[in-house]
Protein backbone atom coordinates (compact mmCIF):
# COMPACT_ATOMS: atom_id res chain seq x y z
CA MET A 1 -33.49 0.73 0.72
CA LYS A 2 -33.40 4.17 2.37
CA ASN A 3 -34.21 5.83 -0.99
CA ASP A 4 -37.30 3.61 -1.31
CA LEU A 5 -38.55 5.06 1.97
CA LEU A 6 -38.00 8.69 1.02
CA ILE A 7 -41.18 9.32 -0.99
CA PRO A 8 -43.54 7.46 1.41
CA SER A 9 -41.90 9.22 4.37
CA ILE A 10 -42.38 12.63 2.80
CA ALA A 11 -45.97 11.71 1.87
CA TRP A 12 -46.74 10.62 5.45
CA LEU A 13 -45.22 13.82 6.86
CA LEU A 14 -47.23 15.89 4.38
CA LEU A 15 -50.45 14.03 5.22
CA THR A 16 -49.79 14.48 8.93
CA SER A 17 -49.08 18.19 8.49
CA VAL A 18 -52.21 18.74 6.39
CA SER A 19 -54.36 16.78 8.87
CA ILE A 20 -53.03 18.73 11.85
CA THR A 21 -53.57 21.99 9.97
CA PHE A 22 -57.21 21.08 9.29
CA ILE A 23 -57.70 20.03 12.92
CA LEU A 24 -56.33 23.36 14.16
CA ILE A 25 -58.42 25.33 11.64
CA GLY A 26 -61.50 23.42 12.82
CA LEU A 27 -60.57 23.99 16.46
CA LYS A 28 -60.20 27.73 15.85
CA ALA A 29 -63.56 27.87 14.03
CA ALA A 30 -65.29 25.86 16.77
CA LEU A 31 -63.83 28.07 19.48
CA LYS A 32 -65.20 31.14 17.69
CA ARG A 33 -68.68 29.58 17.89
CA THR A 34 -68.54 29.55 21.69
CA ASP A 35 -69.48 32.50 23.84
CA TRP A 36 -66.20 32.24 25.76
CA ARG A 37 -63.92 35.22 26.28
CA LYS A 38 -61.21 35.69 23.67
CA ASP A 39 -58.43 34.99 26.18
CA LYS A 40 -59.99 31.63 27.12
CA GLN A 41 -60.36 30.72 23.43
CA GLN A 42 -56.74 31.67 22.77
CA ARG A 43 -55.48 29.76 25.82
CA ILE A 44 -57.33 26.58 24.76
CA PHE A 45 -56.10 26.96 21.18
CA SER A 46 -52.51 27.50 22.30
CA ILE A 47 -52.51 24.54 24.68
CA ALA A 48 -54.07 22.27 22.05
CA SER A 49 -51.67 23.43 19.33
CA ILE A 50 -48.58 22.96 21.47
CA SER A 51 -49.81 19.58 22.75
CA ILE A 52 -50.51 18.29 19.24
CA PHE A 53 -47.15 19.56 17.98
CA VAL A 54 -45.17 18.06 20.89
CA TRP A 55 -47.02 14.72 20.65
CA SER A 56 -46.44 14.57 16.87
CA VAL A 57 -42.73 15.36 17.20
CA LEU A 58 -42.37 12.77 19.98
CA LEU A 59 -44.04 10.12 17.80
CA LEU A 60 -41.86 11.12 14.85
CA ILE A 61 -38.68 10.73 16.91
CA LEU A 62 -39.78 7.42 18.44
CA SER A 63 -40.75 6.09 15.00
CA TYR A 64 -37.45 7.16 13.50
CA LYS A 65 -35.57 5.41 16.32
CA GLY A 66 -37.54 2.18 15.69
CA PHE A 67 -39.38 2.21 19.03
CA PHE A 68 -42.65 0.91 17.55
CA GLU A 69 -41.10 -2.03 15.67
CA ASP A 70 -41.21 -4.40 18.66
CA PHE A 71 -44.59 -6.16 18.94
CA ASN A 72 -43.39 -8.67 21.57
CA THR A 73 -44.16 -6.47 24.59
CA PHE A 74 -47.51 -6.13 26.32
CA PRO A 75 -49.20 -3.91 25.50
CA PRO A 76 -47.56 -3.68 22.08
CA LYS A 77 -45.64 -0.43 21.79
CA PRO A 78 -47.86 0.97 19.00
CA ALA A 79 -50.82 0.70 21.42
CA LEU A 80 -49.13 3.30 23.62
CA VAL A 81 -49.93 5.88 20.95
CA ILE A 82 -53.59 5.43 21.90
CA LEU A 83 -53.34 4.44 25.57
CA ILE A 84 -51.25 7.41 26.73
CA PRO A 85 -53.50 10.25 25.43
CA LEU A 86 -56.77 8.37 26.07
CA PRO A 87 -57.22 9.51 29.70
CA ILE A 88 -56.61 13.11 28.63
CA VAL A 89 -59.23 12.79 25.90
CA PHE A 90 -61.74 11.35 28.40
CA ILE A 91 -61.08 14.10 30.92
CA ILE A 92 -61.57 16.78 28.28
CA ALA A 93 -64.60 15.13 26.66
CA PHE A 94 -66.48 14.60 29.91
CA SER A 95 -65.59 17.87 31.59
CA LYS A 96 -68.11 20.72 31.68
CA THR A 97 -65.96 22.86 29.37
CA GLY A 98 -65.29 19.96 27.00
CA THR A 99 -68.97 19.03 26.77
CA GLU A 100 -69.91 22.65 26.16
CA PHE A 101 -67.25 22.91 23.46
CA LEU A 102 -68.28 19.67 21.72
CA LYS A 103 -71.82 21.00 21.36
CA THR A 104 -70.49 23.77 19.08
CA ILE A 105 -69.06 21.30 16.56
CA PRO A 106 -71.43 20.45 13.68
CA PRO A 107 -71.84 16.66 13.27
CA TYR A 108 -70.78 16.75 9.61
CA TRP A 109 -67.32 18.01 10.67
CA LEU A 110 -66.73 14.64 12.35
CA VAL A 111 -67.36 12.92 9.02
CA PHE A 112 -65.31 15.45 7.05
CA ILE A 113 -62.21 14.94 9.20
CA GLN A 114 -62.28 11.24 8.28
CA THR A 115 -61.51 12.00 4.61
CA PHE A 116 -57.80 11.77 5.44
CA ARG A 117 -58.33 8.00 5.31
CA ILE A 118 -58.46 8.15 1.52
CA ALA A 119 -54.89 9.44 1.42
CA VAL A 120 -53.85 6.84 4.01
CA GLU A 121 -55.20 4.04 1.82
CA LEU A 122 -53.41 5.43 -1.23
CA LEU A 123 -50.16 5.59 0.74
CA LEU A 124 -50.64 2.01 1.92
CA LEU A 125 -51.26 0.94 -1.67
CA MET A 126 -48.05 2.69 -2.73
CA ALA A 127 -46.16 0.93 0.06
CA PHE A 128 -47.61 -2.43 -1.03
CA ILE A 129 -46.60 -1.82 -4.65
CA LYS A 130 -43.05 -1.10 -3.45
CA ARG A 131 -43.22 -4.37 -1.43
CA MET A 132 -42.82 -2.52 1.86
CA ILE A 133 -45.99 -3.91 3.49
CA PRO A 134 -48.06 -7.10 3.02
CA VAL A 135 -51.29 -7.14 1.00
CA GLN A 136 -53.28 -7.57 4.24
CA MET A 137 -52.55 -3.95 5.14
CA THR A 138 -54.13 -2.59 1.97
CA PHE A 139 -57.76 -2.18 1.06
């Protein structure tokens, strides 16, 4: 059974790595569009990069340990992935600096970043074909 999980696991890690890379490239490009000093841009980029990396590694470890498999708690443990960073996102989005930064991002970037969903659907289809998930989780 572990061998059946190897290819999907590698694919998910690859998709996650590519998505994070694109997010950081976009962040760097958006920061360059601001009129902020270079040290402020670098500080924001560094904090965001480290935060994303630490959060991703934490989720990887928790997933590997089976933390998210229990749906009997309230809120369900997978919901914590959204609930924990949500206040931070709100603080950033509604702060003066965050609002100023968001104005530099072209609207079409927000659509472009959603293209990762195509790969997610293909991975879910692959998992369904290997009988790892039910048909309800596929498109």
